[in-house]
Amino acid sequence: MTTAKKPRVPRGPNAERRAATRAKIMEAAVRCLAEFGYAATSTPLVAKMARVSRGSLLHQFPTKVDLILGVAQYASNARGLKVREHLAPYPDGANRFLHGVDAVWASLHDPAAIALMEVTIAARSDPDLAERYPEFAGDLDATLHRARVRMAENLGVPERLEEIEAVAHLTRVALNGLAMDSVFIGRESPDAARVLALLKSIRQRLVDSLQSPAPTS
């Protein structure tokens, strides 16, 4: 007995135009957040920067919070892609884990990362955003957790996941803090190189411990 195939739903020119418009809006919203900050970002300004009508923007994002959460997901995906591109030369395993520090640091210099920081900080003071932001944050944490599970498996030590997660979380928060120096203070911290070196040494010590043979009783 053969199973009937579901009919293919054609995208058509309208769907393609809608996708193209959304992409322009996302890029413009990232630039707006990165250049002007959350408070100055508005649907009219983003529409102007995207060169689309405000009606077209509101059709896809009826409120500012809808727009901001859309750009948060877009920016998060862009950051993830930047990290993966940076790590592409390294095979799964210890080298990829060790170079994760450089990959995360490189991703934090993109406008998408700055936009995401603006959204994260704004969630503390904007009640409408604060109400809906936890769902996005929860999804992001779940994505990061899955990536760390894969890393533990690639290192051959799934039972050491908690240690790998702790080091990955330390890397994330430390580098986010350094990035905020350059974004909000306007200069890169003179301690940046030392912090990166310290984070790498922490990862190296963890890798060394993972590769050490278990003591015999």
Protein backbone atom coordinates (compact mmCIF):
# COMPACT_ATOMS: atom_id res chain seq x y z
CA MET A 1 0.00 0.00 0.00
CA THR A 2 1.44 3.34 -1.00
CA THR A 3 1.07 6.43 1.12
CA ALA A 4 -0.29 9.41 -0.69
CA LYS A 5 2.14 12.30 -0.79
CA LYS A 6 1.08 15.56 0.73
CA PRO A 7 0.46 18.18 -1.92
CA ARG A 8 3.39 20.58 -2.27
CA VAL A 9 2.48 24.10 -1.31
CA PRO A 10 4.15 26.45 -3.78
CA ARG A 11 5.90 29.47 -2.32
CA GLY A 12 5.01 31.75 -5.17
CA PRO A 13 6.07 35.35 -5.71
CA ASN A 14 4.10 36.67 -2.70
CA ALA A 15 5.87 34.37 -0.25
CA GLU A 16 9.23 35.25 -1.79
CA ARG A 17 8.52 38.96 -1.53
CA ARG A 18 7.42 38.51 2.07
CA ALA A 19 10.64 36.64 2.90
CA ALA A 20 12.74 39.30 1.16
CA THR A 21 10.93 42.06 3.05
CA ARG A 22 11.43 40.26 6.35
CA ALA A 23 15.16 39.87 5.66
CA LYS A 24 15.50 43.60 4.95
CA ILE A 25 13.60 44.43 8.14
CA MET A 26 15.80 42.12 10.22
CA GLU A 27 19.02 43.59 8.83
CA ALA A 28 17.75 47.13 9.40
CA ALA A 29 16.62 46.33 12.96
CA VAL A 30 20.05 44.89 13.77
CA ARG A 31 21.73 48.06 12.47
CA CYS A 32 19.28 50.27 14.32
CA LEU A 33 19.80 48.50 17.67
CA ALA A 34 23.57 48.37 17.22
CA GLU A 35 23.93 52.02 16.18
CA PHE A 36 21.22 53.79 18.17
CA GLY A 37 20.29 51.46 21.02
CA TYR A 38 17.01 49.97 22.16
CA ALA A 39 15.30 53.18 23.32
CA ALA A 40 15.79 54.90 19.95
CA THR A 41 14.72 51.86 17.94
CA SER A 42 11.16 52.17 16.66
CA THR A 43 9.05 50.58 13.96
CA PRO A 44 9.02 53.81 11.84
CA LEU A 45 12.82 54.14 12.04
CA VAL A 46 13.43 50.49 11.19
CA ALA A 47 10.98 50.71 8.27
CA LYS A 48 12.82 53.78 6.99
CA MET A 49 16.22 52.09 7.31
CA ALA A 50 14.89 48.95 5.61
CA ARG A 51 13.31 51.04 2.85
CA VAL A 52 9.96 49.36 3.26
CA SER A 53 6.60 50.86 4.12
CA ARG A 54 5.63 50.94 7.77
CA GLY A 55 2.53 48.98 6.77
CA SER A 56 4.69 46.19 5.38
CA LEU A 57 6.66 46.08 8.62
CA LEU A 58 3.56 46.10 10.81
CA HIS A 59 2.02 43.34 8.73
CA GLN A 60 4.83 41.05 9.87
CA PHE A 61 5.54 42.64 13.26
CA PRO A 62 2.42 44.33 14.68
CA THR A 63 4.22 45.75 17.74
CA LYS A 64 7.72 46.86 18.68
CA VAL A 65 8.07 43.86 21.00
CA ASP A 66 7.13 41.50 18.14
CA LEU A 67 9.86 43.15 16.07
CA ILE A 68 12.42 43.03 18.88
CA LEU A 69 11.83 39.35 19.62
CA GLY A 70 12.05 38.59 15.91
CA VAL A 71 15.38 40.38 15.64
CA ALA A 72 16.63 38.70 18.84
CA GLN A 73 16.11 35.29 17.24
CA TYR A 74 17.61 36.51 13.97
CA ALA A 75 20.66 37.96 15.77
CA SER A 76 21.10 34.81 17.84
CA ASN A 77 21.09 32.69 14.68
CA ALA A 78 23.60 35.06 13.05
CA ARG A 79 25.91 34.77 16.06
CA GLY A 80 25.67 31.00 16.00
CA LEU A 81 26.55 30.97 12.30
CA LYS A 82 29.58 33.20 12.99
CA VAL A 83 30.80 30.79 15.67
CA ARG A 84 30.35 27.77 13.40
CA GLU A 85 32.19 29.51 10.54
CA HIS A 86 35.10 30.30 12.86
CA LEU A 87 35.26 26.70 14.05
CA ALA A 88 34.83 25.13 10.61
CA PRO A 89 38.58 24.44 10.13
CA TYR A 90 38.73 22.42 13.34
CA PRO A 91 37.46 18.83 13.54
CA ASP A 92 35.13 17.76 16.31
CA GLY A 93 37.04 17.14 19.51
CA ALA A 94 39.63 18.87 21.68
CA ASN A 95 40.87 21.45 19.14
CA ARG A 96 37.34 22.61 18.41
CA PHE A 97 36.64 22.96 22.14
CA LEU A 98 39.85 24.90 22.74
CA HIS A 99 39.22 27.32 19.85
CA GLY A 100 35.69 27.96 21.08
CA VAL A 101 37.02 30.95 23.06
CA ASP A 102 38.25 32.68 19.91
CA ALA A 103 35.05 31.78 18.04
CA VAL A 104 32.78 33.28 20.70
CA TRP A 105 34.95 36.40 20.96
CA ALA A 106 34.90 36.89 17.18
CA SER A 107 31.11 36.56 17.10
CA LEU A 108 30.71 39.28 19.73
CA HIS A 109 32.16 41.95 17.44
CA ASP A 110 29.34 41.69 14.91
CA PRO A 111 26.40 44.14 14.91
CA ALA A 112 24.09 41.15 15.54
CA ALA A 113 25.78 40.50 18.89
CA ILE A 114 25.50 44.17 19.87
CA ALA A 115 21.82 44.15 18.92
CA LEU A 116 21.25 41.06 21.05
CA MET A 117 22.97 42.69 24.03
CA GLU A 118 20.70 45.71 23.65
CA VAL A 119 17.63 43.47 23.69
CA THR A 120 18.84 41.50 26.71
CA ILE A 121 19.48 44.65 28.74
CA ALA A 122 16.17 46.20 27.68
CA ALA A 123 14.26 43.14 28.94
CA ARG A 124 15.09 44.35 32.46
CA SER A 125 13.28 47.68 32.10
CA ASP A 126 10.66 47.27 29.37
CA PRO A 127 7.69 45.48 30.99
CA ASP A 128 6.17 44.32 27.70
CA LEU A 129 9.48 42.87 26.56
CA ALA A 130 10.21 41.45 30.02
CA GLU A 131 6.97 39.48 29.91
CA ARG A 132 7.85 37.71 26.67
CA TYR A 133 11.66 37.63 26.73
CA PRO A 134 11.98 34.56 29.02
CA GLU A 135 10.56 32.29 26.31
CA PHE A 136 13.28 33.40 23.88
CA ALA A 137 15.95 33.11 26.60
CA GLY A 138 14.74 29.61 27.48
CA ASP A 139 14.90 28.51 23.84
CA LEU A 140 18.42 29.96 23.55
CA ASP A 141 19.57 28.14 26.69
CA ALA A 142 18.15 24.89 25.31
CA THR A 143 20.06 25.41 22.04
CA LEU A 144 23.31 26.07 23.92
CA HIS A 145 22.72 23.00 26.08
CA ARG A 146 22.31 20.79 23.01
CA ALA A 147 25.55 22.17 21.57
CA ARG A 148 27.39 21.34 24.81
CA VAL A 149 25.95 17.84 24.88
CA ARG A 150 27.34 17.31 21.37
CA MET A 151 30.70 18.69 22.49
CA ALA A 152 30.86 16.28 25.43
CA GLU A 153 30.01 13.41 23.09
CA ASN A 154 32.62 14.53 20.55
CA LEU A 155 35.21 14.66 23.32
CA GLY A 156 34.22 11.13 24.27
CA VAL A 157 33.23 12.06 27.82
CA PRO A 158 29.43 12.50 27.99
CA GLU A 159 29.62 11.77 31.73
CA ARG A 160 31.64 15.02 32.19
CA LEU A 161 28.92 17.20 30.67
CA GLU A 162 28.46 19.32 33.81
CA GLU A 163 32.12 20.40 33.75
CA ILE A 164 32.00 21.20 30.05
CA GLU A 165 28.80 23.19 30.50
CA ALA A 166 30.32 25.13 33.40
CA VAL A 167 33.41 26.09 31.38
CA ALA A 168 31.29 27.01 28.35
CA HIS A 169 29.02 29.17 30.52
CA LEU A 170 32.04 30.88 32.09
CA THR A 171 33.37 31.64 28.61
CA ARG A 172 30.05 33.09 27.52
CA VAL A 173 29.51 35.41 30.47
CA ALA A 174 33.15 36.55 30.68
CA LEU A 175 33.33 37.43 26.99
CA ASN A 176 29.90 39.08 27.04
CA GLY A 177 31.20 41.32 29.83
CA LEU A 178 34.33 42.19 27.84
CA ALA A 179 32.24 42.95 24.78
CA MET A 180 30.07 45.34 26.78
CA ASP A 181 33.20 47.36 27.59
CA SER A 182 33.73 48.06 23.91
CA VAL A 183 30.04 48.67 23.18
CA PHE A 184 28.94 50.76 26.15
CA ILE A 185 32.22 52.29 27.33
CA GLY A 186 33.56 52.76 23.83
CA ARG A 187 36.90 51.02 24.21
CA GLU A 188 38.14 47.46 24.23
CA SER A 189 39.30 46.39 27.66
CA PRO A 190 43.10 46.32 28.02
CA ASP A 191 42.59 43.05 29.89
CA ALA A 192 40.86 41.35 26.93
CA ALA A 193 43.94 39.43 25.75
CA ARG A 194 44.71 38.23 29.27
CA VAL A 195 41.11 37.12 29.84
CA LEU A 196 41.06 35.19 26.57
CA ALA A 197 44.34 33.53 27.48
CA LEU A 198 43.01 32.58 30.91
CA LEU A 199 39.83 31.10 29.45
CA LYS A 200 41.89 29.07 26.99
CA SER A 201 44.13 27.80 29.77
CA ILE A 202 41.05 26.72 31.76
CA ARG A 203 39.80 24.80 28.74
CA GLN A 204 43.22 23.26 28.18
CA ARG A 205 43.38 22.04 31.78
CA LEU A 206 39.93 20.51 31.40
CA VAL A 207 40.94 18.78 28.15
CA ASP A 208 44.10 17.47 29.83
CA SER A 209 42.04 16.06 32.69
CA LEU A 210 39.62 14.44 30.27
CA GLN A 211 42.45 12.74 28.43
CA SER A 212 44.23 11.51 31.57
CA PRO A 213 43.76 7.81 32.27
CA ALA A 214 41.45 7.01 35.16
CA PRO A 215 43.33 6.00 38.33
CA THR A 216 43.36 2.27 39.04
CA SER A 217 42.27 0.99 42.44
